[in-house]
Amino acid sequence: MNANPHQKNTINASANLINNKGDVQNLTLIENWQQVSSQVTQTCEQANRQTDSVTLLAVSKTKPVEMIATLARQGQHDFGENYLQEAIDKIKTLQGQAEYENIVWHYIGSIQRNKTRDIAEHFDWVQTLERDIIAKRLNDQRPAELPPLNVLIQLNIDNEDSKSGCLPEQIPELITVIKAYERLQLRGLMIIPAKANTDAFKRTKQLFEEIKREHPELSQWDTLSMGMSDDMADAIASGSTMVRVGTAIFGTRA
C-alpha cells in the first residue's frame, strides 16, 4: 500500500532529522521550539511590530546540553542559564565547535559575589544586575580580550519581597555607576512581574522609554526582557524585545 503525500512528507522530514546527528530523538523539542517561534512572530504581527524585533531566549536551565545543541543546529542562538556550574559545563562542552559558535549565552540567575569572575569570563549577557558592587566586580573581572559584557538591570517592578531586583527609584543611581565601567555595556531592563499583573509590562515599558530620553548617551539602550511561557503574548504587545521561554520549549522540569 502506497503512503499518501502527507505520510511521504513526514517520512522525508524524519529521514532528514536522522541524518542530522540523531535529531529524530528530539522531534518534540524541535516542534515545541518551532511553535513558540511562530507564536512570537504572530504576536509581533498582531501588535504591528517587525517580526524580528523580539528575540526568543530559550531558557535551558536543568536541561541537558544535547537539547541545546539540537536547537542550536535548528537556528536558535540565545540560551539562558540560571545555575552557574551547570552552565559553565555546557558552555565548555560546546565551545570551539564551528556549528555552535553563534550561541549567545545569557546568565539569568541570582549573582553572588564569589561567582562574578566565572560569569564575567563565560557569558555574553547578564540579565540580573541589581547592585553596584556586582557591577564593579563584573567589570573588573571581564577579560580584556572579550567584548564588553552586555548587562540588564533587574527591576522589581511590583516590589515583591520574594523577588530580586532593584526598585524603580534606585535605578538612576545604578545607571550612573554602570555607565562608568568600560567593560560593561548597559542594554536595558529585565523584570519578572507578579503573576497575572500584565500592567507591569506597560509600566516597565514606560520607565524604559523615560530612561532612554533622559540618557541619550546610552547608545545601546535597546533591550526590554520581559515575558515568559505563560505571558509572552502580553509582554510582546506591551513592548518587550526579548522573551524568556523555558517550559513551552523544553517541557516541564524535574
Protein backbone atom coordinates (compact mmCIF):
# COMPACT_ATOMS: atom_id res chain seq x y z
CA MET A 1 0.00 0.00 0.00
CA ASN A 2 1.45 3.36 -1.05
CA ALA A 3 1.89 6.17 1.51
CA ASN A 4 -0.15 9.29 0.93
CA PRO A 5 1.65 12.61 0.23
CA HIS A 6 1.38 13.73 3.85
CA GLN A 7 2.94 10.50 5.07
CA LYS A 8 5.73 10.82 2.48
CA ASN A 9 6.49 14.35 3.72
CA THR A 10 6.60 13.12 7.30
CA ILE A 11 8.91 10.24 6.34
CA ASN A 12 11.21 12.59 4.42
CA ALA A 13 11.32 15.04 7.32
CA SER A 14 12.17 12.25 9.74
CA ALA A 15 14.88 10.96 7.41
CA ASN A 16 16.44 14.41 7.26
CA LEU A 17 16.44 14.62 11.03
CA ILE A 18 18.05 11.18 11.33
CA ASN A 19 20.80 12.37 9.02
CA ASN A 20 21.26 15.46 11.18
CA LYS A 21 23.10 13.83 14.07
CA GLY A 22 20.22 11.90 15.50
CA ASP A 23 17.78 14.79 15.92
CA VAL A 24 14.94 12.34 15.34
CA GLN A 25 15.11 11.73 19.08
CA ASN A 26 14.27 15.37 19.65
CA LEU A 27 11.29 15.81 17.34
CA THR A 28 9.06 17.02 20.19
CA LEU A 29 11.69 19.53 21.27
CA ILE A 30 12.06 20.88 17.75
CA GLU A 31 8.31 21.06 17.22
CA ASN A 32 7.88 22.92 20.52
CA TRP A 33 10.57 25.40 19.53
CA GLN A 34 9.05 25.93 16.09
CA GLN A 35 5.64 26.50 17.65
CA VAL A 36 6.95 29.07 20.13
CA SER A 37 8.92 30.83 17.38
CA SER A 38 5.74 31.02 15.30
CA GLN A 39 3.82 32.41 18.26
CA VAL A 40 6.41 35.14 18.71
CA THR A 41 6.18 36.03 15.02
CA GLN A 42 2.37 36.04 15.01
CA THR A 43 2.17 38.15 18.16
CA CYS A 44 4.56 40.70 16.65
CA GLU A 45 2.39 40.89 13.54
CA GLN A 46 -0.77 41.37 15.63
CA ALA A 47 0.95 44.17 17.52
CA ASN A 48 2.06 45.82 14.25
CA ARG A 49 5.70 45.22 15.11
CA GLN A 50 8.56 43.95 12.98
CA THR A 51 8.77 40.18 13.30
CA ASP A 52 12.48 40.39 14.09
CA SER A 53 12.00 42.96 16.85
CA VAL A 54 11.71 40.29 19.57
CA THR A 55 14.47 37.84 20.50
CA LEU A 56 13.49 34.40 21.72
CA LEU A 57 15.66 33.39 24.67
CA ALA A 58 15.47 29.63 25.25
CA VAL A 59 15.78 29.04 28.99
CA SER A 60 17.71 25.79 29.15
CA LYS A 61 18.43 25.51 32.87
CA THR A 62 18.44 21.89 34.18
CA LYS A 63 18.19 20.58 30.62
CA PRO A 64 20.99 18.51 29.03
CA VAL A 65 23.49 20.08 26.69
CA GLU A 66 22.29 17.79 23.90
CA MET A 67 18.99 19.69 23.81
CA ILE A 68 20.83 22.99 23.45
CA ALA A 69 22.93 21.52 20.65
CA THR A 70 19.81 20.30 18.86
CA LEU A 71 18.14 23.72 18.93
CA ALA A 72 21.37 25.49 18.00
CA ARG A 73 21.53 23.37 14.87
CA GLN A 74 17.96 24.40 14.09
CA GLY A 75 18.90 28.09 14.30
CA GLN A 76 18.25 29.07 17.92
CA HIS A 77 21.02 31.41 19.07
CA ASP A 78 20.19 32.71 22.55
CA PHE A 79 20.16 30.46 25.62
CA GLY A 80 19.53 31.41 29.25
CA GLU A 81 21.03 29.63 32.25
CA ASN A 82 20.40 30.09 35.99
CA TYR A 83 22.85 27.71 37.62
CA LEU A 84 26.45 28.72 37.14
CA GLN A 85 28.42 25.47 37.31
CA GLU A 86 25.86 23.63 35.19
CA ALA A 87 26.03 26.44 32.64
CA ILE A 88 29.83 26.50 32.51
CA ASP A 89 29.90 22.76 31.89
CA LYS A 90 27.53 23.22 28.94
CA ILE A 91 29.48 26.17 27.55
CA LYS A 92 32.77 24.27 27.71
CA THR A 93 31.21 21.23 26.05
CA LEU A 94 30.10 23.23 23.02
CA GLN A 95 32.84 25.83 22.71
CA GLY A 96 35.33 25.52 19.90
CA GLN A 97 32.88 23.73 17.61
CA ALA A 98 32.02 25.69 14.49
CA GLU A 99 28.34 24.71 14.41
CA TYR A 100 27.82 26.20 17.89
CA GLU A 101 29.92 29.33 17.55
CA ASN A 102 26.82 31.53 17.14
CA ILE A 103 25.38 30.61 20.54
CA VAL A 104 24.83 33.64 22.79
CA TRP A 105 24.87 32.77 26.49
CA HIS A 106 22.72 34.74 28.95
CA TYR A 107 23.08 34.47 32.72
CA ILE A 108 19.64 34.90 34.27
CA GLY A 109 20.20 33.62 37.80
CA SER A 110 20.99 35.40 41.04
CA ILE A 111 24.55 36.69 41.33
CA GLN A 112 26.71 36.04 44.36
CA ARG A 113 29.98 37.87 44.84
CA ASN A 114 32.08 34.72 44.64
CA LYS A 115 30.51 33.83 41.26
CA THR A 116 31.20 37.05 39.37
CA ARG A 117 34.54 36.00 37.86
CA ASP A 118 33.11 32.90 36.22
CA ILE A 119 30.10 34.85 34.96
CA ALA A 120 32.31 37.61 33.55
CA GLU A 121 34.55 35.09 31.80
CA HIS A 122 31.93 32.81 30.23
CA PHE A 123 28.77 34.75 29.41
CA ASP A 124 27.78 37.25 26.74
CA TRP A 125 24.88 38.75 28.70
CA VAL A 126 23.90 39.18 32.35
CA GLN A 127 20.22 39.96 32.90
CA THR A 128 20.12 40.09 36.69
CA LEU A 129 22.30 43.01 37.68
CA GLU A 130 20.86 44.83 40.70
CA ARG A 131 23.78 46.03 42.86
CA ASP A 132 26.71 48.37 42.30
CA ILE A 133 29.24 46.02 43.93
CA ILE A 134 28.29 43.27 41.49
CA ALA A 135 28.61 45.70 38.58
CA LYS A 136 32.12 46.64 39.72
CA ARG A 137 33.21 43.03 40.08
CA LEU A 138 31.82 42.04 36.67
CA ASN A 139 33.59 45.00 35.07
CA ASP A 140 36.91 44.35 36.80
CA GLN A 141 36.81 40.63 36.03
CA ARG A 142 35.70 40.80 32.40
CA PRO A 143 38.66 39.56 30.30
CA ALA A 144 40.21 42.28 28.15
CA GLU A 145 40.17 40.10 25.04
CA LEU A 146 36.37 39.77 25.18
CA PRO A 147 33.89 42.46 24.13
CA PRO A 148 32.16 44.38 26.93
CA LEU A 149 29.65 42.29 28.87
CA ASN A 150 26.06 43.15 27.96
CA VAL A 151 24.04 43.78 31.12
CA LEU A 152 20.42 44.39 32.02
CA ILE A 153 19.23 45.89 35.28
CA GLN A 154 16.79 43.58 37.01
CA LEU A 155 13.81 45.62 38.16
CA ASN A 156 11.49 44.53 40.95
CA ILE A 157 8.59 46.28 39.29
CA ASP A 158 5.93 45.09 41.77
CA ASN A 159 8.08 45.48 44.91
CA GLU A 160 7.69 41.83 45.88
CA ASP A 161 9.68 40.57 48.86
CA SER A 162 10.15 37.23 47.14
CA LYS A 163 11.74 38.75 44.02
CA SER A 164 15.22 40.05 43.36
CA GLY A 165 15.84 43.33 41.61
CA CYS A 166 16.10 46.99 42.43
CA LEU A 167 13.15 49.33 42.81
CA PRO A 168 12.39 52.00 40.19
CA GLU A 169 13.67 54.78 42.42
CA GLN A 170 17.04 53.00 42.75
CA ILE A 171 17.67 52.73 39.04
CA PRO A 172 19.10 56.23 38.35
CA GLU A 173 21.99 55.71 40.77
CA LEU A 174 22.75 52.26 39.41
CA ILE A 175 22.75 53.58 35.85
CA THR A 176 25.29 56.22 36.84
CA VAL A 177 27.52 53.54 38.33
CA ILE A 178 27.30 51.17 35.35
CA LYS A 179 27.96 53.92 32.80
CA ALA A 180 31.39 54.47 34.32
CA TYR A 181 32.53 50.93 33.60
CA GLU A 182 34.20 50.36 30.25
CA ARG A 183 33.88 46.57 30.37
CA LEU A 184 30.09 46.67 30.77
CA GLN A 185 27.53 47.62 28.11
CA LEU A 186 24.20 48.63 29.63
CA ARG A 187 21.41 47.46 27.34
CA GLY A 188 18.13 47.79 29.26
CA LEU A 189 15.82 46.26 31.85
CA MET A 190 14.60 42.80 32.88
CA ILE A 191 11.54 42.05 35.00
CA ILE A 192 9.67 39.10 36.49
CA PRO A 193 6.30 40.64 37.36
CA ALA A 194 3.74 39.39 39.82
CA LYS A 195 1.52 36.69 38.34
CA ALA A 196 -1.37 37.93 36.20
CA ASN A 197 -0.15 41.52 36.55
CA THR A 198 0.15 42.45 32.89
CA ASP A 199 0.04 46.14 33.82
CA ALA A 200 3.63 45.65 34.99
CA PHE A 201 4.70 45.27 31.37
CA LYS A 202 3.27 48.65 30.41
CA ARG A 203 4.76 50.36 33.46
CA THR A 204 8.17 48.87 32.71
CA LYS A 205 7.96 49.94 29.08
CA GLN A 206 7.15 53.48 30.20
CA LEU A 207 10.14 53.53 32.54
CA PHE A 208 12.35 52.09 29.80
CA GLU A 209 11.38 54.92 27.44
CA GLU A 210 11.86 57.55 30.15
CA ILE A 211 15.40 56.33 30.76
CA LYS A 212 16.07 56.35 27.03
CA ARG A 213 15.02 60.01 26.80
CA GLU A 214 16.97 61.03 29.90
CA HIS A 215 20.15 59.21 28.90
CA PRO A 216 20.80 59.69 25.18
CA GLU A 217 24.41 58.72 25.84
CA LEU A 218 23.27 55.11 26.34
CA SER A 219 23.76 54.28 22.68
CA GLN A 220 22.71 50.63 23.04
CA TRP A 221 19.76 51.03 25.40
CA ASP A 222 17.60 48.71 23.32
CA THR A 223 16.55 45.66 25.32
CA LEU A 224 13.44 45.04 27.41
CA SER A 225 13.49 41.46 28.69
CA MET A 226 10.02 40.57 29.88
CA GLY A 227 7.59 37.76 29.26
CA MET A 228 7.85 34.01 29.76
CA SER A 229 5.97 30.91 28.60
CA ASP A 230 2.61 31.92 30.11
CA ASP A 231 2.58 35.65 29.43
CA MET A 232 4.85 36.32 26.47
CA ALA A 233 1.96 37.48 24.23
CA ASP A 234 1.00 40.24 26.68
CA ALA A 235 4.65 41.17 27.11
CA ILE A 236 5.26 41.48 23.37
CA ALA A 237 2.09 43.53 22.94
CA SER A 238 3.43 45.87 25.65
CA GLY A 239 6.83 46.34 24.02
CA SER A 240 9.08 43.50 25.12
CA THR A 241 12.13 42.95 22.91
CA MET A 242 13.15 39.63 24.48
CA VAL A 243 11.01 36.81 25.88
CA ARG A 244 12.47 34.12 28.14
CA VAL A 245 10.81 30.79 27.38
CA GLY A 246 11.67 27.52 29.03
CA THR A 247 8.76 25.18 29.72
CA ALA A 248 6.97 25.78 26.43
CA ILE A 249 10.13 24.71 24.58
CA PHE A 250 11.84 22.16 26.80
CA GLY A 251 8.87 20.78 28.72
CA THR A 252 8.33 20.67 32.46
CA ARG A 253 11.37 20.48 34.69
CA ALA A 254 12.05 17.61 37.05
